[in-house]
Amino acid sequence: MITRAVIVVAMAALVAAFLVEPGSANDVTVKDGDTITVDGKTCRLDAIDAPELDQVCLNEAGATMPCGREARERLAQYIGARAVRCDDNGPDPVFRRRRICVCTVEGETMSINQWLVRQGVAIDFEPFAHGRYQSDENDARQNRRGLWSGCFVAPQHLRYWRKPVAPLLGSACSNEPNARDKLFPDNPEMPPGCSIKGKFAVRAKVTGYRGIYHLEGCSSYRTLKNPNRWFCSEEDARAAGFRKALTCRGSRAG
């Protein structure tokens, strides 16, 4: 005879089997070295800054390397097929469709944020970090891990295109006299699948933007020969402070 107590226990077990820990997910997409999508929600990893997807850095020999793409790949490999738990710290102040998050991979106690800085894949991002990951950055620098073994500029300096004043970071910078020109290329290579061209423009800054982006369907796309940036989506371009070119009215990103 099945008692009421047995039924209650069985139902509780059944419900528990379908419960998912809040903030955990297996549907994870790595967009770049510090941005992931978890169950459709885009999370910008809090207090760190990884190379932009189109950013290049220098290795120990002074040769350019696609460090932005490598950062994304490194993060994707670290997560693998494991579940990710994210604590939501609110909307991104720059782009409110994104959330600011501290995330942890299943089976790890260290957050993804801290792990990326400690491995030299990202840096402590001030003033937002308030020194939270500074010791991890110092450790990565001293042990020449990741980016610190070569030469690079902080991603925020690339975003603002501060070529003349951006500090050169890494142990190999002093060995490369043309490092600054290599780190701010006149004609950066397009990352696979990221065909939107971005160009810094004074007329854009007047209205509060950093630059203008051009889609493949815009009449200005082919005539723009030397873009400063490449973006994978209009969302990424807008998040970087670029507005759509006036020649793109009605155009859509592919």
Protein backbone atom coordinates (compact mmCIF):
# COMPACT_ATOMS: atom_id res chain seq x y z
CA MET A 1 0.00 0.00 0.00
CA ILE A 2 1.34 3.39 -1.00
CA THR A 3 1.07 5.83 1.84
CA ARG A 4 0.63 9.58 1.57
CA ALA A 5 4.12 10.08 2.97
CA VAL A 6 5.62 7.94 0.20
CA ILE A 7 3.73 9.92 -2.44
CA VAL A 8 4.95 13.22 -0.98
CA VAL A 9 8.56 12.01 -0.95
CA ALA A 10 8.27 10.73 -4.51
CA MET A 11 6.79 14.01 -5.75
CA ALA A 12 9.53 15.97 -3.98
CA ALA A 13 12.18 13.84 -5.65
CA LEU A 14 10.52 14.32 -9.03
CA VAL A 15 10.43 18.09 -8.63
CA ALA A 16 14.05 18.14 -7.47
CA ALA A 17 15.09 16.24 -10.57
CA PHE A 18 13.82 19.09 -12.74
CA LEU A 19 15.18 21.94 -10.67
CA VAL A 20 18.12 23.85 -12.10
CA GLU A 21 20.36 25.80 -9.78
CA PRO A 22 19.64 29.53 -10.27
CA GLY A 23 22.16 31.12 -12.60
CA SER A 24 23.51 27.80 -13.93
CA ALA A 25 23.26 26.80 -17.56
CA ASN A 26 24.69 24.55 -20.25
CA ASP A 27 23.66 26.82 -23.13
CA VAL A 28 26.76 29.04 -23.12
CA THR A 29 28.28 30.96 -26.03
CA VAL A 30 31.61 32.77 -25.75
CA LYS A 31 31.38 36.03 -27.71
CA ASP A 32 34.84 37.34 -26.85
CA GLY A 33 37.41 37.16 -24.09
CA ASP A 34 35.20 38.85 -21.50
CA THR A 35 31.65 38.42 -22.81
CA ILE A 36 29.53 35.29 -22.73
CA THR A 37 25.91 34.52 -23.44
CA VAL A 38 24.24 32.30 -20.85
CA ASP A 39 20.78 31.00 -21.76
CA GLY A 40 20.24 33.98 -24.04
CA LYS A 41 21.44 36.57 -21.52
CA THR A 42 24.62 38.44 -22.48
CA CYS A 43 27.03 38.84 -19.58
CA ARG A 44 30.00 41.21 -19.59
CA LEU A 45 32.43 39.77 -17.05
CA ASP A 46 32.74 42.26 -14.22
CA ALA A 47 35.93 44.21 -13.42
CA ILE A 48 38.14 42.70 -16.14
CA ASP A 49 39.10 43.68 -19.67
CA ALA A 50 40.20 41.19 -22.32
CA PRO A 51 41.50 42.06 -25.81
CA GLU A 52 38.87 43.14 -28.30
CA LEU A 53 38.01 40.47 -30.86
CA ASP A 54 39.82 42.38 -33.63
CA GLN A 55 42.77 43.38 -31.42
CA VAL A 56 46.32 42.27 -32.21
CA CYS A 57 49.21 41.89 -29.77
CA LEU A 58 52.86 40.94 -30.14
CA ASN A 59 54.41 37.67 -29.08
CA GLU A 60 57.86 37.28 -27.50
CA ALA A 61 59.51 37.51 -30.93
CA GLY A 62 57.70 40.75 -31.82
CA ALA A 63 55.37 39.15 -34.38
CA THR A 64 51.69 40.11 -34.40
CA MET A 65 49.13 37.62 -33.14
CA PRO A 66 45.31 37.79 -33.07
CA CYS A 67 45.15 38.01 -29.28
CA GLY A 68 41.46 38.96 -29.29
CA ARG A 69 40.50 35.76 -31.07
CA GLU A 70 42.94 33.77 -28.96
CA ALA A 71 41.38 35.16 -25.76
CA ARG A 72 37.96 34.00 -26.94
CA GLU A 73 39.32 30.57 -27.78
CA ARG A 74 41.09 30.28 -24.43
CA LEU A 75 37.90 31.11 -22.56
CA ALA A 76 35.84 28.70 -24.68
CA GLN A 77 38.32 25.89 -23.99
CA TYR A 78 38.26 26.61 -20.26
CA ILE A 79 34.47 26.44 -20.08
CA GLY A 80 34.15 23.51 -22.45
CA ALA A 81 30.85 21.70 -21.98
CA ARG A 82 30.59 22.55 -18.28
CA ALA A 83 27.73 24.48 -16.75
CA VAL A 84 28.25 28.14 -15.87
CA ARG A 85 26.77 30.00 -12.92
CA CYS A 86 26.56 33.80 -13.11
CA ASP A 87 25.73 36.33 -10.43
CA ASP A 88 24.04 39.29 -12.09
CA ASN A 89 25.36 42.65 -10.83
CA GLY A 90 23.03 44.78 -12.93
CA PRO A 91 22.95 46.34 -16.39
CA ASP A 92 26.08 47.31 -18.28
CA PRO A 93 26.30 51.12 -18.00
CA VAL A 94 27.59 51.32 -21.57
CA PHE A 95 25.12 48.99 -23.23
CA ARG A 96 22.06 48.15 -21.15
CA ARG A 97 21.09 45.02 -23.02
CA ARG A 98 24.14 43.42 -21.46
CA ARG A 99 24.48 42.47 -17.82
CA ILE A 100 27.53 42.82 -15.60
CA CYS A 101 28.31 39.41 -14.10
CA VAL A 102 30.69 37.39 -12.01
CA CYS A 103 30.61 33.84 -13.38
CA THR A 104 31.95 30.50 -12.23
CA VAL A 105 32.41 27.25 -14.14
CA GLU A 106 31.04 24.03 -12.72
CA GLY A 107 33.62 22.31 -10.53
CA GLU A 108 35.73 25.46 -9.96
CA THR A 109 35.88 27.75 -6.95
CA MET A 110 37.72 30.61 -8.67
CA SER A 111 35.52 32.85 -10.81
CA ILE A 112 36.05 33.00 -14.56
CA ASN A 113 36.81 36.70 -14.09
CA GLN A 114 39.71 36.02 -11.73
CA TRP A 115 40.97 33.04 -13.73
CA LEU A 116 41.26 35.10 -16.92
CA VAL A 117 43.33 37.79 -15.18
CA ARG A 118 45.52 35.27 -13.37
CA GLN A 119 46.25 33.46 -16.64
CA GLY A 120 47.22 36.71 -18.35
CA VAL A 121 44.28 36.54 -20.76
CA ALA A 122 42.66 39.70 -19.32
CA ILE A 123 43.64 42.59 -17.05
CA ASP A 124 42.22 44.19 -13.92
CA PHE A 125 39.81 46.85 -15.24
CA GLU A 126 39.88 50.10 -13.29
CA PRO A 127 38.07 52.03 -11.92
CA PHE A 128 35.40 49.31 -11.93
CA ALA A 129 37.56 46.65 -10.26
CA HIS A 130 38.68 48.74 -7.29
CA GLY A 131 41.85 46.64 -7.27
CA ARG A 132 39.89 43.39 -6.94
CA TYR A 133 42.13 41.48 -9.37
CA GLN A 134 45.28 43.57 -9.09
CA SER A 135 47.22 40.87 -7.23
CA ASP A 136 46.23 38.35 -9.91
CA GLU A 137 47.42 40.74 -12.60
CA ASN A 138 50.70 41.29 -10.77
CA ASP A 139 51.21 37.54 -10.54
CA ALA A 140 50.54 37.08 -14.27
CA ARG A 141 52.93 39.92 -15.12
CA GLN A 142 55.74 38.63 -12.90
CA ASN A 143 55.42 35.13 -14.32
CA ARG A 144 54.97 36.37 -17.90
CA ARG A 145 51.75 34.50 -18.47
CA GLY A 146 49.61 35.06 -21.52
CA LEU A 147 49.66 38.61 -22.83
CA TRP A 148 52.43 39.60 -20.43
CA SER A 149 54.99 37.43 -22.26
CA GLY A 150 54.74 39.68 -25.29
CA CYS A 151 53.57 43.27 -25.83
CA PHE A 152 50.07 44.74 -25.87
CA VAL A 153 47.96 47.76 -25.00
CA ALA A 154 45.00 47.80 -22.64
CA PRO A 155 41.80 47.10 -24.63
CA GLN A 156 40.26 50.40 -23.54
CA HIS A 157 43.09 52.28 -25.25
CA LEU A 158 42.39 50.41 -28.48
CA ARG A 159 38.67 51.20 -28.17
CA TYR A 160 39.47 54.90 -27.93
CA TRP A 161 42.33 54.57 -30.45
CA ARG A 162 44.85 56.25 -28.14
CA LYS A 163 47.82 55.34 -30.27
CA PRO A 164 50.13 58.21 -29.22
CA VAL A 165 49.66 57.82 -25.46
CA ALA A 166 48.65 54.21 -24.73
CA PRO A 167 51.16 52.58 -22.35
CA LEU A 168 52.88 49.53 -23.86
CA LEU A 169 52.45 46.52 -21.57
CA GLY A 170 54.37 43.26 -21.44
CA SER A 171 57.92 42.01 -21.14
CA ALA A 172 58.75 42.15 -24.87
CA CYS A 173 57.81 45.77 -25.62
CA SER A 174 61.35 47.12 -25.19
CA ASN A 175 62.60 44.72 -27.86
CA GLU A 176 60.29 46.05 -30.59
CA PRO A 177 60.84 49.67 -31.73
CA ASN A 178 57.77 49.60 -33.99
CA ALA A 179 55.46 48.05 -31.40
CA ARG A 180 53.02 50.96 -31.33
CA ASP A 181 52.47 50.89 -35.11
CA LYS A 182 51.91 47.15 -35.00
CA LEU A 183 49.45 47.34 -32.12
CA PHE A 184 47.44 50.09 -33.85
CA PRO A 185 47.52 48.83 -37.47
CA ASP A 186 46.38 51.13 -40.27
CA ASN A 187 44.58 48.23 -41.94
CA PRO A 188 43.62 45.62 -39.31
CA GLU A 189 42.73 42.13 -40.47
CA MET A 190 39.06 41.21 -40.44
CA PRO A 191 38.27 38.46 -37.91
CA PRO A 192 36.29 35.60 -39.48
CA GLY A 193 32.58 36.38 -39.48
CA CYS A 194 33.08 39.99 -38.35
CA SER A 195 32.53 41.99 -41.52
CA ILE A 196 31.19 45.29 -40.13
CA LYS A 197 33.69 48.11 -40.66
CA GLY A 198 34.21 50.77 -37.99
CA LYS A 199 35.92 54.11 -38.55
CA PHE A 200 36.73 56.76 -35.96
CA ALA A 201 35.33 60.11 -37.07
CA VAL A 202 35.26 63.63 -35.64
CA ARG A 203 31.69 64.15 -36.88
CA ALA A 204 30.61 61.16 -34.81
CA LYS A 205 32.26 62.52 -31.66
CA VAL A 206 30.23 65.73 -31.96
CA THR A 207 27.09 63.68 -31.28
CA GLY A 208 28.66 61.61 -28.50
CA TYR A 209 29.91 58.61 -30.49
CA ARG A 210 33.45 57.33 -31.03
CA GLY A 211 32.99 56.45 -34.68
CA ILE A 212 30.75 55.21 -37.48
CA TYR A 213 30.11 51.64 -38.55
CA HIS A 214 29.34 50.48 -42.08
CA LEU A 215 27.44 47.33 -43.05
CA GLU A 216 28.08 45.32 -46.20
CA GLY A 217 24.82 46.58 -47.70
CA CYS A 218 25.75 50.25 -47.28
CA SER A 219 26.84 52.29 -50.26
CA SER A 220 29.86 53.49 -48.27
CA TYR A 221 31.12 49.99 -47.45
CA ARG A 222 33.31 49.40 -50.50
CA THR A 223 34.76 52.89 -50.55
CA LEU A 224 35.90 52.65 -46.92
CA LYS A 225 39.35 51.15 -47.44
CA ASN A 226 41.06 51.39 -44.04
CA PRO A 227 38.68 50.68 -41.14
CA ASN A 228 40.06 51.10 -37.63
CA ARG A 229 37.83 48.37 -36.17
CA TRP A 230 35.90 45.27 -37.22
CA PHE A 231 32.67 44.19 -35.53
CA CYS A 232 30.70 40.95 -35.60
CA SER A 233 27.28 42.50 -35.07
CA GLU A 234 25.56 45.88 -34.88
CA GLU A 235 25.11 45.25 -31.17
CA ASP A 236 28.89 44.97 -30.75
CA ALA A 237 29.45 48.13 -32.80
CA ARG A 238 26.93 50.13 -30.77
CA ALA A 239 28.37 48.78 -27.52
CA ALA A 240 31.78 50.08 -28.65
CA GLY A 241 30.31 53.57 -29.14
CA PHE A 242 29.83 53.56 -32.92
CA ARG A 243 26.74 54.71 -34.78
CA LYS A 244 25.42 53.42 -38.09
CA ALA A 245 26.52 55.30 -41.23
CA LEU A 246 23.82 57.43 -42.82
CA THR A 247 24.34 55.47 -46.04
CA CYS A 248 23.12 52.35 -44.24
CA ARG A 249 19.52 53.39 -43.71
CA GLY A 250 17.41 50.28 -44.16
CA SER A 251 20.44 47.99 -44.28
CA ARG A 252 20.80 45.05 -41.95
CA ALA A 253 23.85 43.15 -40.71
CA GLY A 254 24.34 39.70 -42.12
